[in-house]
Amino acid sequence: MSHNIEIKKGAFVISDAHYSHHRPQLLEFLKEIHSKKLQPSQLILMGDIFDTLFGGIPNTLHVNIEAIKLLNAISLEIEVIYLEGNHDFNLRKIFPHVKLFSLSQQPVACEFDGKKVFLAHGDFGSNLGYKMYTSWIRSSYTLAVLNIINFLGSNIILNKLDGYLGKKDDCKEFIGFKEFVANRLINRYECEYFVEGHYHQNKTIEFKKFNYINLGAFACNQRYFVVEFTQGVKLLEEIKFSKEI
């Protein structure tokens, strides 16, 4: 599959920021880009950038409006690529100038320095039950019904979801991760690099068929990645964003 995406040297790659009032640091990061204090050549968002942002549920737009406006302003100046995650989807009307890729379009085939790179949020290729759930939750009918229930219940669904997500541990180690990745991806993809988020492991694994990179979550310690190297295994340089808020 080819989407004619060229990854640029100096691109910023960020995954799993899970932006919310529990984790507001992403807003300062976007402000730094918008003000040109940080100057990526390209911004690649690997999904779950927002903790809850669902096209079709207006209240999720309202609580994220400042970050949404910043991203839209940034997308008018540099190329922004956004791979939808399981916490942020149906976003095309929200981000009209962003190159958006839904779950069904992932992994996204890209090129960097003559090398083939696959990008994905990471929740693709799951079992039948999860595939049915992802299709159901993204349907306009389901979202319309949930929006009505949420409205009539004085925001009951989103309040419960916010409480649950605020307590969730996003930074725990995935035991047996290498075997898990191998079972999912080996013998399915031919490339030099396979990059995804979702699992928050911040690990690079060398397989015979490709180098696998699982991105660390911005939500854990505000790390993001810069595309700089293609020597050996390394493709991304990790940077820690630090700013008082």
Foldseek 3Di string as FASTA:
>chain_A
DADAAADDFQEWEAEQQQDAPLRPVVLVVLVCCLVVVRPGQEYEYFENNHQAAAPLQVVSCVRCVSVLVSVLSNLVPHAYEYEYDPRHDPCCVSRVSHNYDYLVRPQHWYDYPNWIETGHQPPPPDDPVVVVVSVQCNDNVNSNVVNVVCVVVVNVVVVVSVVVVSPDDLADADPPVVVVCCVRPPPPDATAEYEHEPNQHQDWDDDPRYIYGYHHHCNPQNKMWGQHDDPDRDGTDIDGDDDDD
